[in-house]
Amino acid sequence: MKFLKRIFGICETPLPVNADAWTVESGSVRIDLARMSELTPTGSGVRLEGSGLDPRLLVFHGDDDRYYAVANRCTHMGRRIDTIAGSGTIQCCSVSKSTFTYDGSPVGGAAKTPLKTYPVELEGETLTIQLNP
């Protein structure tokens, strides 16, 4: 079943359960972590799409206990990216399995160009992602 998902580019990383837990305003995305429990465990992530957001984002809680945000578009085929808990990497949901470090650098698969990354700040329970750094 997982192979078929890769053929069709269907990612495993979910959209947030609570769509009101994040907003786009003045060139930044703000996430209320108290309302987005999907980002609590290390190795987890969510896809942020719509609501005036361009580009779509993958926001994840790395195995190193830090938060990251990348443009959720593989530089090889344009498909979405998934978190790979326990690996210290993120990976394209396609068959090529392009794999990237948390800073967006390609380390495996067909992609040779880094992902676009965005600065992330954590203040209390609010995660802020700067879209125009």
Protein backbone atom coordinates (compact mmCIF):
# COMPACT_ATOMS: atom_id res chain seq x y z
CA MET A 1 0.00 0.00 0.00
CA LYS A 2 2.82 2.42 0.85
CA PHE A 3 4.39 1.83 -2.59
CA LEU A 4 1.11 2.83 -4.29
CA LYS A 5 1.03 6.01 -2.22
CA ARG A 6 4.54 6.81 -3.44
CA ILE A 7 3.56 6.19 -7.07
CA PHE A 8 0.70 8.65 -6.74
CA GLY A 9 2.63 11.08 -4.53
CA ILE A 10 0.30 10.78 -1.55
CA CYS A 11 2.07 12.02 1.55
CA GLU A 12 1.76 10.66 5.08
CA THR A 13 2.11 13.99 6.92
CA PRO A 14 -1.36 15.22 7.93
CA LEU A 15 -3.05 18.58 7.74
CA PRO A 16 -3.72 20.11 11.19
CA VAL A 17 -6.79 18.74 12.94
CA ASN A 18 -7.59 22.26 14.20
CA ALA A 19 -7.45 24.61 11.20
CA ASP A 20 -7.84 27.60 13.56
CA ALA A 21 -4.52 26.81 15.29
CA TRP A 22 -2.56 28.75 12.66
CA THR A 23 -2.84 32.07 10.85
CA VAL A 24 -1.07 33.92 8.06
CA GLU A 25 -0.49 37.61 8.75
CA SER A 26 1.98 40.27 7.63
CA GLY A 27 4.44 37.93 5.94
CA SER A 28 4.50 35.36 8.71
CA VAL A 29 2.71 32.25 9.89
CA ARG A 30 1.79 31.96 13.56
CA ILE A 31 1.03 28.59 15.10
CA ASP A 32 -0.54 28.15 18.52
CA LEU A 33 1.25 24.99 19.67
CA ALA A 34 -1.21 24.55 22.54
CA ARG A 35 -3.90 24.00 19.89
CA MET A 36 -1.78 21.97 17.44
CA SER A 37 -0.99 18.78 19.32
CA GLU A 38 0.26 17.14 16.10
CA LEU A 39 3.57 19.00 16.63
CA THR A 40 4.07 17.85 20.24
CA PRO A 41 6.14 14.69 19.68
CA THR A 42 9.60 14.99 18.19
CA GLY A 43 9.72 13.62 14.65
CA SER A 44 6.19 14.88 13.91
CA GLY A 45 4.98 17.36 11.34
CA VAL A 46 1.99 19.02 9.70
CA ARG A 47 1.22 20.35 6.24
CA LEU A 48 0.04 23.95 6.10
CA GLU A 49 -1.87 24.74 2.93
CA GLY A 50 -4.51 27.25 1.84
CA SER A 51 -5.71 30.27 3.86
CA GLY A 52 -3.71 32.62 1.63
CA LEU A 53 -0.46 30.76 2.30
CA ASP A 54 1.99 30.64 -0.58
CA PRO A 55 3.95 28.42 -0.75
CA ARG A 56 2.51 25.47 1.11
CA LEU A 57 4.69 24.54 4.12
CA LEU A 58 5.88 21.49 5.98
CA VAL A 59 6.34 22.43 9.63
CA PHE A 60 7.98 19.83 11.81
CA HIS A 61 9.33 19.14 15.27
CA GLY A 62 12.75 17.65 14.63
CA ASP A 63 14.33 14.76 16.46
CA ASP A 64 16.66 17.42 17.93
CA ASP A 65 13.63 19.03 19.67
CA ARG A 66 13.75 22.14 17.43
CA TYR A 67 11.04 23.33 15.04
CA TYR A 68 11.58 23.78 11.30
CA ALA A 69 9.66 25.01 8.26
CA VAL A 70 10.36 24.24 4.61
CA ALA A 71 8.51 24.86 1.35
CA ASN A 72 6.53 21.65 0.98
CA ARG A 73 7.56 21.02 -2.61
CA CYS A 74 10.32 18.58 -3.53
CA THR A 75 12.93 20.17 -5.78
CA HIS A 76 12.94 17.05 -7.97
CA MET A 77 9.28 16.44 -8.87
CA GLY A 78 7.37 19.04 -6.87
CA ARG A 79 5.62 16.53 -4.64
CA ARG A 80 5.06 16.97 -0.92
CA ILE A 81 7.59 16.16 1.79
CA ASP A 82 7.08 13.87 4.81
CA THR A 83 8.80 13.74 8.16
CA ILE A 84 10.73 10.55 8.92
CA ALA A 85 10.73 10.26 12.72
CA GLY A 86 13.98 9.06 14.26
CA SER A 87 16.06 9.64 11.11
CA GLY A 88 16.97 13.32 11.38
CA THR A 89 15.68 13.73 7.82
CA ILE A 90 12.61 14.58 5.76
CA GLN A 91 11.71 12.81 2.52
CA CYS A 92 9.73 13.31 -0.68
CA CYS A 93 6.59 11.18 -0.84
CA SER A 94 7.41 10.02 -4.39
CA VAL A 95 9.08 6.79 -5.49
CA SER A 96 12.45 8.57 -5.82
CA LYS A 97 12.47 9.14 -2.03
CA SER A 98 14.53 12.34 -2.30
CA THR A 99 15.81 12.85 1.23
CA PHE A 100 16.85 16.12 2.87
CA THR A 101 18.46 17.23 6.12
CA TYR A 102 16.49 19.57 8.37
CA ASP A 103 18.25 22.54 6.76
CA GLY A 104 16.89 21.47 3.37
CA SER A 105 20.12 20.01 1.93
CA PRO A 106 19.64 16.98 -0.32
CA VAL A 107 21.35 13.81 0.98
CA GLY A 108 19.72 11.06 -1.07
CA GLY A 109 17.40 10.28 -3.95
CA ALA A 110 17.00 12.21 -7.20
CA ALA A 111 16.80 15.80 -5.86
CA LYS A 112 20.02 17.76 -6.19
CA THR A 113 18.72 21.22 -5.21
CA PRO A 114 18.02 22.21 -1.57
CA LEU A 115 14.54 22.91 -0.25
CA LYS A 116 13.63 26.49 0.59
CA THR A 117 13.70 26.90 4.36
CA TYR A 118 12.16 29.57 6.58
CA PRO A 119 13.31 31.03 9.90
CA VAL A 120 11.30 29.78 12.87
CA GLU A 121 11.02 31.41 16.30
CA LEU A 122 9.47 29.85 19.38
CA GLU A 123 8.13 32.19 22.04
CA GLY A 124 6.11 30.50 24.75
CA GLU A 125 3.48 28.40 22.94
CA THR A 126 3.65 30.45 19.71
CA LEU A 127 5.72 29.34 16.76
CA THR A 128 6.35 32.10 14.20
CA ILE A 129 7.60 31.37 10.70
CA GLN A 130 8.98 34.31 8.71
CA LEU A 131 7.95 33.93 5.06
CA ASN A 132 9.94 36.96 3.88
CA PRO A 133 13.14 36.90 5.94
